[in-house]
Amino acid sequence: MGFFTTILIILLVYYLFKILLKLFAPKLLNYAGKKAEKHFREKFEGFGTQEQTRTTAEGDVIINSKTTKKSKSSNKVGEYIDFEEID
């Protein structure tokens, strides 16, 4: 008799969880979406206006260069071996 009551309790908990999930999942996802949107708005609030706030006089020349270092390493790892299939 204890086995059947255990199975019955497991089934009741499963179906109760399933029903509650259907009721509250849309609200939870909506809340998470709004929270993520708020987070992204705070992160990128002044992103588009940074270019406009820079003060440069007309005729000024600004050169932004990146230094690139190309490493010329000639270390050979090994030889290339071409294998063929044997039937």
PDB file of N, CA and C in Angstrom:
ATOM      1  N   MET A   1       0.811  -1.187   0.000  1.00  0.00           N
ATOM      2  CA  MET A   1       0.000   0.000   0.000  1.00  0.00           C
ATOM      3  C   MET A   1       0.863   1.264   0.000  1.00  0.00           C
ATOM      4  N   GLY A   2       2.023   1.198   0.633  1.00  0.00           N
ATOM      5  CA  GLY A   2       2.912   2.350   0.704  1.00  0.00           C
ATOM      6  C   GLY A   2       3.481   2.702  -0.667  1.00  0.00           C
ATOM      7  N   PHE A   3       3.677   1.690  -1.504  1.00  0.00           N
ATOM      8  CA  PHE A   3       4.216   1.925  -2.842  1.00  0.00           C
ATOM      9  C   PHE A   3       3.241   2.740  -3.682  1.00  0.00           C
ATOM     10  N   PHE A   4       1.944   2.386  -3.591  1.00  0.00           N
ATOM     11  CA  PHE A   4       0.929   3.092  -4.368  1.00  0.00           C
ATOM     12  C   PHE A   4       0.750   4.533  -3.893  1.00  0.00           C
ATOM     13  N   THR A   5       0.816   4.758  -2.598  1.00  0.00           N
ATOM     14  CA  THR A   5       0.694   6.138  -2.100  1.00  0.00           C
ATOM     15  C   THR A   5       1.893   6.981  -2.532  1.00  0.00           C
ATOM     16  N   THR A   6       3.077   6.368  -2.578  1.00  0.00           N
ATOM     17  CA  THR A   6       4.263   7.084  -3.043  1.00  0.00           C
ATOM     18  C   THR A   6       4.121   7.477  -4.506  1.00  0.00           C
ATOM     19  N   ILE A   7       3.661   6.533  -5.326  1.00  0.00           N
ATOM     20  CA  ILE A   7       3.442   6.822  -6.756  1.00  0.00           C
ATOM     21  C   ILE A   7       2.385   7.912  -6.913  1.00  0.00           C
ATOM     22  N   LEU A   8       1.310   7.843  -6.130  1.00  0.00           N
ATOM     23  CA  LEU A   8       0.242   8.838  -6.193  1.00  0.00           C
ATOM     24  C   LEU A   8       0.754  10.227  -5.796  1.00  0.00           C
ATOM     25  N   ILE A   9       1.570  10.301  -4.758  1.00  0.00           N
ATOM     26  CA  ILE A   9       2.138  11.586  -4.327  1.00  0.00           C
ATOM     27  C   ILE A   9       3.060  12.150  -5.403  1.00  0.00           C
ATOM     28  N   ILE A  10       3.877  11.308  -6.004  1.00  0.00           N
ATOM     29  CA  ILE A  10       4.777  11.749  -7.071  1.00  0.00           C
ATOM     30  C   ILE A  10       3.980  12.285  -8.254  1.00  0.00           C
ATOM     31  N   LEU A  11       2.932  11.608  -8.647  1.00  0.00           N
ATOM     32  CA  LEU A  11       2.092  12.061  -9.762  1.00  0.00           C
ATOM     33  C   LEU A  11       1.386  13.381  -9.433  1.00  0.00           C
ATOM     34  N   LEU A  12       0.873  13.508  -8.210  1.00  0.00           N
ATOM     35  CA  LEU A  12       0.217  14.748  -7.818  1.00  0.00           C
ATOM     36  C   LEU A  12       1.192  15.925  -7.828  1.00  0.00           C
ATOM     37  N   VAL A  13       2.380  15.721  -7.321  1.00  0.00           N
ATOM     38  CA  VAL A  13       3.384  16.788  -7.319  1.00  0.00           C
ATOM     39  C   VAL A  13       3.767  17.147  -8.749  1.00  0.00           C
ATOM     40  N   TYR A  14       3.924  16.149  -9.607  1.00  0.00           N
ATOM     41  CA  TYR A  14       4.286  16.389 -11.004  1.00  0.00           C
ATOM     42  C   TYR A  14       3.222  17.225 -11.712  1.00  0.00           C
ATOM     43  N   TYR A  15       1.962  16.835 -11.587  1.00  0.00           N
ATOM     44  CA  TYR A  15       0.893  17.573 -12.268  1.00  0.00           C
ATOM     45  C   TYR A  15       0.668  18.953 -11.649  1.00  0.00           C
ATOM     46  N   LEU A  16       0.835  19.071 -10.346  1.00  0.00           N
ATOM     47  CA  LEU A  16       0.724  20.376  -9.706  1.00  0.00           C
ATOM     48  C   LEU A  16       1.831  21.311 -10.189  1.00  0.00           C
ATOM     49  N   PHE A  17       3.044  20.795 -10.291  1.00  0.00           N
ATOM     50  CA  PHE A  17       4.163  21.584 -10.811  1.00  0.00           C
ATOM     51  C   PHE A  17       3.916  21.993 -12.255  1.00  0.00           C
ATOM     52  N   LYS A  18       3.363  21.090 -13.044  1.00  0.00           N
ATOM     53  CA  LYS A  18       3.079  21.372 -14.451  1.00  0.00           C
ATOM     54  C   LYS A  18       2.040  22.491 -14.589  1.00  0.00           C
ATOM     55  N   ILE A  19       1.003  22.455 -13.770  1.00  0.00           N
ATOM     56  CA  ILE A  19      -0.045  23.471 -13.820  1.00  0.00           C
ATOM     57  C   ILE A  19       0.498  24.826 -13.358  1.00  0.00           C
ATOM     58  N   LEU A  20       1.261  24.831 -12.269  1.00  0.00           N
ATOM     59  CA  LEU A  20       1.824  26.076 -11.764  1.00  0.00           C
ATOM     60  C   LEU A  20       2.822  26.679 -12.752  1.00  0.00           C
ATOM     61  N   LEU A  21       3.558  25.835 -13.436  1.00  0.00           N
ATOM     62  CA  LEU A  21       4.510  26.314 -14.434  1.00  0.00           C
ATOM     63  C   LEU A  21       3.786  26.984 -15.599  1.00  0.00           C
ATOM     64  N   LYS A  22       2.656  26.426 -16.020  1.00  0.00           N
ATOM     65  CA  LYS A  22       1.883  27.039 -17.100  1.00  0.00           C
ATOM     66  C   LYS A  22       1.315  28.388 -16.678  1.00  0.00           C
ATOM     67  N   LEU A  23       0.987  28.527 -15.407  1.00  0.00           N
ATOM     68  CA  LEU A  23       0.428  29.785 -14.930  1.00  0.00           C
ATOM     69  C   LEU A  23       1.485  30.878 -14.760  1.00  0.00           C
ATOM     70  N   PHE A  24       2.631  30.527 -14.217  1.00  0.00           N
ATOM     71  CA  PHE A  24       3.604  31.539 -13.837  1.00  0.00           C
ATOM     72  C   PHE A  24       4.771  31.702 -14.802  1.00  0.00           C
ATOM     73  N   ALA A  25       4.966  30.814 -15.748  1.00  0.00           N
ATOM     74  CA  ALA A  25       6.098  30.921 -16.677  1.00  0.00           C
ATOM     75  C   ALA A  25       6.027  32.186 -17.533  1.00  0.00           C
ATOM     76  N   PRO A  26       4.879  32.549 -18.112  1.00  0.00           N
ATOM     77  CA  PRO A  26       4.860  33.790 -18.903  1.00  0.00           C
ATOM     78  C   PRO A  26       5.195  35.037 -18.073  1.00  0.00           C
ATOM     79  N   LYS A  27       4.733  35.079 -16.836  1.00  0.00           N
ATOM     80  CA  LYS A  27       5.027  36.226 -15.978  1.00  0.00           C
ATOM     81  C   LYS A  27       6.509  36.280 -15.633  1.00  0.00           C
ATOM     82  N   LEU A  28       7.109  35.123 -15.361  1.00  0.00           N
ATOM     83  CA  LEU A  28       8.533  35.084 -15.044  1.00  0.00           C
ATOM     84  C   LEU A  28       9.385  35.473 -16.243  1.00  0.00           C
ATOM     85  N   LEU A  29       9.020  35.003 -17.418  1.00  0.00           N
ATOM     86  CA  LEU A  29       9.780  35.348 -18.617  1.00  0.00           C
ATOM     87  C   LEU A  29       9.635  36.822 -18.957  1.00  0.00           C
ATOM     88  N   ASN A  30       8.453  37.376 -18.771  1.00  0.00           N
ATOM     89  CA  ASN A  30       8.233  38.799 -19.000  1.00  0.00           C
ATOM     90  C   ASN A  30       9.083  39.627 -18.033  1.00  0.00           C
ATOM     91  N   TYR A  31       9.128  39.237 -16.783  1.00  0.00           N
ATOM     92  CA  TYR A  31       9.931  39.927 -15.784  1.00  0.00           C
ATOM     93  C   TYR A  31      11.416  39.859 -16.143  1.00  0.00           C
ATOM     94  N   ALA A  32      11.891  38.681 -16.550  1.00  0.00           N
ATOM     95  CA  ALA A  32      13.298  38.532 -16.918  1.00  0.00           C
ATOM     96  C   ALA A  32      13.632  39.358 -18.148  1.00  0.00           C
ATOM     97  N   GLY A  33      12.718  39.421 -19.112  1.00  0.00           N
ATOM     98  CA  GLY A  33      12.947  40.237 -20.308  1.00  0.00           C
ATOM     99  C   GLY A  33      13.038  41.712 -19.984  1.00  0.00           C
ATOM    100  N   LYS A  34      12.160  42.192 -19.119  1.00  0.00           N
ATOM    101  CA  LYS A  34      12.203  43.606 -18.723  1.00  0.00           C
ATOM    102  C   LYS A  34      13.477  43.925 -17.955  1.00  0.00           C
ATOM    103  N   LYS A  35      13.906  43.001 -17.117  1.00  0.00           N
ATOM    104  CA  LYS A  35      15.132  43.206 -16.356  1.00  0.00           C
ATOM    105  C   LYS A  35      16.341  43.263 -17.286  1.00  0.00           C
ATOM    106  N   ALA A  36      16.382  42.386 -18.283  1.00  0.00           N
ATOM    107  CA  ALA A  36      17.491  42.388 -19.237  1.00  0.00           C
ATOM    108  C   ALA A  36      17.481  43.663 -20.076  1.00  0.00           C
ATOM    109  N   GLU A  37      16.293  44.109 -20.482  1.00  0.00           N
ATOM    110  CA  GLU A  37      16.187  45.338 -21.260  1.00  0.00           C
ATOM    111  C   GLU A  37      16.686  46.532 -20.441  1.00  0.00           C
ATOM    112  N   LYS A  38      16.321  46.597 -19.183  1.00  0.00           N
ATOM    113  CA  LYS A  38      16.771  47.678 -18.316  1.00  0.00           C
ATOM    114  C   LYS A  38      18.291  47.653 -18.160  1.00  0.00           C
ATOM    115  N   HIS A  39      18.831  46.460 -18.017  1.00  0.00           N
ATOM    116  CA  HIS A  39      20.282  46.305 -17.869  1.00  0.00           C
ATOM    117  C   HIS A  39      21.006  46.799 -19.120  1.00  0.00           C
ATOM    118  N   PHE A  40      20.521  46.436 -20.307  1.00  0.00           N
ATOM    119  CA  PHE A  40      21.162  46.853 -21.545  1.00  0.00           C
ATOM    120  C   PHE A  40      21.007  48.352 -21.778  1.00  0.00           C
ATOM    121  N   ARG A  41      19.873  48.903 -21.405  1.00  0.00           N
ATOM    122  CA  ARG A  41      19.690  50.348 -21.546  1.00  0.00           C
ATOM    123  C   ARG A  41      20.685  51.108 -20.668  1.00  0.00           C
ATOM    124  N   GLU A  42      20.910  50.619 -19.445  1.00  0.00           N
ATOM    125  CA  GLU A  42      21.865  51.270 -18.551  1.00  0.00           C
ATOM    126  C   GLU A  42      23.289  51.150 -19.082  1.00  0.00           C
ATOM    127  N   LYS A  43      23.628  50.008 -19.662  1.00  0.00           N
ATOM    128  CA  LYS A  43      24.979  49.789 -20.170  1.00  0.00           C
ATOM    129  C   LYS A  43      25.282  50.688 -21.357  1.00  0.00           C
ATOM    130  N   PHE A  44      24.333  50.808 -22.282  1.00  0.00           N
ATOM    131  CA  PHE A  44      24.581  51.514 -23.530  1.00  0.00           C
ATOM    132  C   PHE A  44      23.861  52.863 -23.592  1.00  0.00           C
ATOM    133  N   GLU A  45      23.656  53.482 -22.453  1.00  0.00           N
ATOM    134  CA  GLU A  45      22.908  54.725 -22.404  1.00  0.00           C
ATOM    135  C   GLU A  45      23.596  55.836 -23.190  1.00  0.00           C
ATOM    136  N   GLY A  46      24.876  56.068 -22.983  1.00  0.00           N
ATOM    137  CA  GLY A  46      25.556  57.161 -23.648  1.00  0.00           C
ATOM    138  C   GLY A  46      26.404  56.716 -24.816  1.00  0.00           C
ATOM    139  N   PHE A  47      26.166  55.532 -25.327  1.00  0.00           N
ATOM    140  CA  PHE A  47      27.023  54.965 -26.364  1.00  0.00           C
ATOM    141  C   PHE A  47      26.973  55.764 -27.657  1.00  0.00           C
ATOM    142  N   GLY A  48      25.808  56.160 -28.118  1.00  0.00           N
ATOM    143  CA  GLY A  48      25.673  56.880 -29.379  1.00  0.00           C
ATOM    144  C   GLY A  48      26.069  58.332 -29.289  1.00  0.00           C
ATOM    145  N   THR A  49      26.037  58.921 -28.112  1.00  0.00           N
ATOM    146  CA  THR A  49      26.328  60.347 -27.975  1.00  0.00           C
ATOM    147  C   THR A  49      27.791  60.629 -27.700  1.00  0.00           C
ATOM    148  N   GLN A  50      28.627  59.625 -27.532  1.00  0.00           N
ATOM    149  CA  GLN A  50      30.040  59.854 -27.249  1.00  0.00           C
ATOM    150  C   GLN A  50      30.751  60.520 -28.416  1.00  0.00           C
ATOM    151  N   GLU A  51      30.409  60.162 -29.620  1.00  0.00           N
ATOM    152  CA  GLU A  51      31.054  60.732 -30.796  1.00  0.00           C
ATOM    153  C   GLU A  51      30.716  62.212 -30.944  1.00  0.00           C
ATOM    154  N   GLN A  52      29.518  62.623 -30.569  1.00  0.00           N
ATOM    155  CA  GLN A  52      29.084  63.995 -30.742  1.00  0.00           C
ATOM    156  C   GLN A  52      29.661  64.918 -29.679  1.00  0.00           C
ATOM    157  N   THR A  53      30.002  64.414 -28.524  1.00  0.00           N
ATOM    158  CA  THR A  53      30.478  65.265 -27.441  1.00  0.00           C
ATOM    159  C   THR A  53      31.964  65.577 -27.552  1.00  0.00           C
ATOM    160  N   ARG A  54      32.663  64.949 -28.447  1.00  0.00           N
ATOM    161  CA  ARG A  54      34.085  65.196 -28.606  1.00  0.00           C
ATOM    162  C   ARG A  54      34.275  66.597 -29.183  1.00  0.00           C
ATOM    163  N   THR A  55      35.140  67.387 -28.549  1.00  0.00           N
ATOM    164  CA  THR A  55      35.348  68.758 -29.003  1.00  0.00           C
ATOM    165  C   THR A  55      36.643  68.836 -29.795  1.00  0.00           C
ATOM    166  N   THR A  56      36.525  69.059 -31.089  1.00  0.00           N
ATOM    167  CA  THR A  56      37.684  69.279 -31.944  1.00  0.00           C
ATOM    168  C   THR A  56      37.394  70.483 -32.811  1.00  0.00           C
ATOM    169  N   ALA A  57      38.396  71.274 -32.986  1.00  0.00           N
ATOM    170  CA  ALA A  57      38.222  72.452 -33.821  1.00  0.00           C
ATOM    171  C   ALA A  57      38.325  72.048 -35.286  1.00  0.00           C
ATOM    172  N   GLU A  58      37.722  72.849 -36.139  1.00  0.00           N
ATOM    173  CA  GLU A  58      37.754  72.558 -37.559  1.00  0.00           C
ATOM    174  C   GLU A  58      39.182  72.722 -38.068  1.00  0.00           C
ATOM    175  N   GLY A  59      39.653  71.747 -38.795  1.00  0.00           N
ATOM    176  CA  GLY A  59      41.002  71.791 -39.337  1.00  0.00           C
ATOM    177  C   GLY A  59      41.997  70.991 -38.520  1.00  0.00           C
ATOM    178  N   ASP A  60      41.639  70.559 -37.315  1.00  0.00           N
ATOM    179  CA  ASP A  60      42.544  69.735 -36.524  1.00  0.00           C
ATOM    180  C   ASP A  60      42.657  68.352 -37.145  1.00  0.00           C
ATOM    181  N   VAL A  61      43.836  67.803 -37.111  1.00  0.00           N
ATOM    182  CA  VAL A  61      44.089  66.483 -37.659  1.00  0.00           C
ATOM    183  C   VAL A  61      44.364  65.539 -36.500  1.00  0.00           C
ATOM    184  N   ILE A  62      43.593  64.483 -36.454  1.00  0.00           N
ATOM    185  CA  ILE A  62      43.768  63.483 -35.410  1.00  0.00           C
ATOM    186  C   ILE A  62      44.094  62.167 -36.086  1.00  0.00           C
ATOM    187  N   ILE A  63      45.203  61.578 -35.696  1.00  0.00           N
ATOM    188  CA  ILE A  63      45.611  60.302 -36.274  1.00  0.00           C
ATOM    189  C   ILE A  63      45.588  59.262 -35.165  1.00  0.00           C
ATOM    190  N   ASN A  64      44.760  58.283 -35.325  1.00  0.00           N
ATOM    191  CA  ASN A  64      44.685  57.167 -34.396  1.00  0.00           C
ATOM    192  C   ASN A  64      45.276  55.956 -35.100  1.00  0.00           C
ATOM    193  N   SER A  65      46.424  55.548 -34.658  1.00  0.00           N
ATOM    194  CA  SER A  65      47.054  54.386 -35.298  1.00  0.00           C
ATOM    195  C   SER A  65      47.234  53.288 -34.270  1.00  0.00           C
ATOM    196  N   LYS A  66      47.114  52.113 -34.752  1.00  0.00           N
ATOM    197  CA  LYS A  66      47.320  50.953 -33.899  1.00  0.00           C
ATOM    198  C   LYS A  66      48.641  50.310 -34.310  1.00  0.00           C
ATOM    199  N   THR A  67      49.419  49.987 -33.342  1.00  0.00           N
ATOM    200  CA  THR A  67      50.677  49.322 -33.649  1.00  0.00           C
ATOM    201  C   THR A  67      50.411  47.836 -33.770  1.00  0.00           C
ATOM    202  N   THR A  68      50.828  47.302 -34.872  1.00  0.00           N
ATOM    203  CA  THR A  68      50.644  45.870 -35.089  1.00  0.00           C
ATOM    204  C   THR A  68      52.001  45.209 -35.162  1.00  0.00           C
ATOM    205  N   LYS A  69      52.143  44.189 -34.399  1.00  0.00           N
ATOM    206  CA  LYS A  69      53.380  43.429 -34.400  1.00  0.00           C
ATOM    207  C   LYS A  69      53.096  42.071 -35.016  1.00  0.00           C
ATOM    208  N   LYS A  70      53.820  41.805 -36.072  1.00  0.00           N
ATOM    209  CA  LYS A  70      53.691  40.498 -36.694  1.00  0.00           C
ATOM    210  C   LYS A  70      54.862  39.649 -36.238  1.00  0.00           C
ATOM    211  N   SER A  71      54.539  38.581 -35.602  1.00  0.00           N
ATOM    212  CA  SER A  71      55.611  37.719 -35.122  1.00  0.00           C
ATOM    213  C   SER A  71      56.064  36.825 -36.269  1.00  0.00           C
ATOM    214  N   LYS A  72      57.341  36.852 -36.505  1.00  0.00           N
ATOM    215  CA  LYS A  72      57.917  36.036 -37.583  1.00  0.00           C
ATOM    216  C   LYS A  72      58.598  34.837 -36.959  1.00  0.00           C
ATOM    217  N   SER A  73      57.795  33.933 -36.476  1.00  0.00           N
ATOM    218  CA  SER A  73      58.370  32.739 -35.872  1.00  0.00           C
ATOM    219  C   SER A  73      58.509  31.667 -36.948  1.00  0.00           C
ATOM    220  N   SER A  74      59.682  31.133 -37.034  1.00  0.00           N
ATOM    221  CA  SER A  74      59.945  30.104 -38.037  1.00  0.00           C
ATOM    222  C   SER A  74      60.114  28.743 -37.380  1.00  0.00           C
ATOM    223  N   ASN A  75      59.448  28.570 -36.271  1.00  0.00           N
ATOM    224  CA  ASN A  75      59.531  27.286 -35.589  1.00  0.00           C
ATOM    225  C   ASN A  75      58.688  26.269 -36.336  1.00  0.00           C
ATOM    226  N   LYS A  76      59.326  25.215 -36.790  1.00  0.00           N
ATOM    227  CA  LYS A  76      58.581  24.154 -37.467  1.00  0.00           C
ATOM    228  C   LYS A  76      58.074  23.179 -36.423  1.00  0.00           C
ATOM    229  N   VAL A  77      56.810  22.864 -36.570  1.00  0.00           N
ATOM    230  CA  VAL A  77      56.194  21.955 -35.612  1.00  0.00           C
ATOM    231  C   VAL A  77      56.543  20.518 -35.958  1.00  0.00           C
ATOM    232  N   GLY A  78      56.547  20.212 -37.222  1.00  0.00           N
ATOM    233  CA  GLY A  78      56.854  18.852 -37.631  1.00  0.00           C
ATOM    234  C   GLY A  78      56.633  18.695 -39.114  1.00  0.00           C
ATOM    235  N   GLU A  79      56.770  17.485 -39.573  1.00  0.00           N
ATOM    236  CA  GLU A  79      56.581  17.213 -40.992  1.00  0.00           C
ATOM    237  C   GLU A  79      55.135  16.831 -41.254  1.00  0.00           C
ATOM    238  N   TYR A  80      54.696  17.094 -42.473  1.00  0.00           N
ATOM    239  CA  TYR A  80      53.352  16.708 -42.885  1.00  0.00           C
ATOM    240  C   TYR A  80      53.426  15.315 -43.478  1.00  0.00           C
ATOM    241  N   ILE A  81      52.587  14.427 -42.970  1.00  0.00           N
ATOM    242  CA  ILE A  81      52.560  13.056 -43.460  1.00  0.00           C
ATOM    243  C   ILE A  81      51.206  12.800 -44.071  1.00  0.00           C
ATOM    244  N   ASP A  82      51.189  12.382 -45.320  1.00  0.00           N
ATOM    245  CA  ASP A  82      49.948  12.094 -46.034  1.00  0.00           C
ATOM    246  C   ASP A  82      49.673  10.602 -45.910  1.00  0.00           C
ATOM    247  N   PHE A  83      48.564  10.278 -45.273  1.00  0.00           N
ATOM    248  CA  PHE A  83      48.215   8.869 -45.074  1.00  0.00           C
ATOM    249  C   PHE A  83      47.259   8.429 -46.177  1.00  0.00           C
ATOM    250  N   GLU A  84      47.375   7.191 -46.567  1.00  0.00           N
ATOM    251  CA  GLU A  84      46.477   6.625 -47.557  1.00  0.00           C
ATOM    252  C   GLU A  84      45.705   5.493 -46.911  1.00  0.00           C
ATOM    253  N   GLU A  85      44.450   5.342 -47.372  1.00  0.00           N
ATOM    254  CA  GLU A  85      43.619   4.253 -46.848  1.00  0.00           C
ATOM    255  C   GLU A  85      44.026   2.940 -47.473  1.00  0.00           C
ATOM    256  N   ILE A  86      44.027   1.920 -46.676  1.00  0.00           N
ATOM    257  CA  ILE A  86      44.321   0.568 -47.165  1.00  0.00           C
ATOM    258  C   ILE A  86      43.046  -0.245 -47.057  1.00  0.00           C
ATOM    259  N   ASP A  87      42.609  -0.785 -48.178  1.00  0.00           N
ATOM    260  CA  ASP A  87      41.371  -1.579 -48.197  1.00  0.00           C
ATOM    261  C   ASP A  87      41.626  -3.002 -47.766  1.00  0.00           C
TER     262      ASP A  87
END
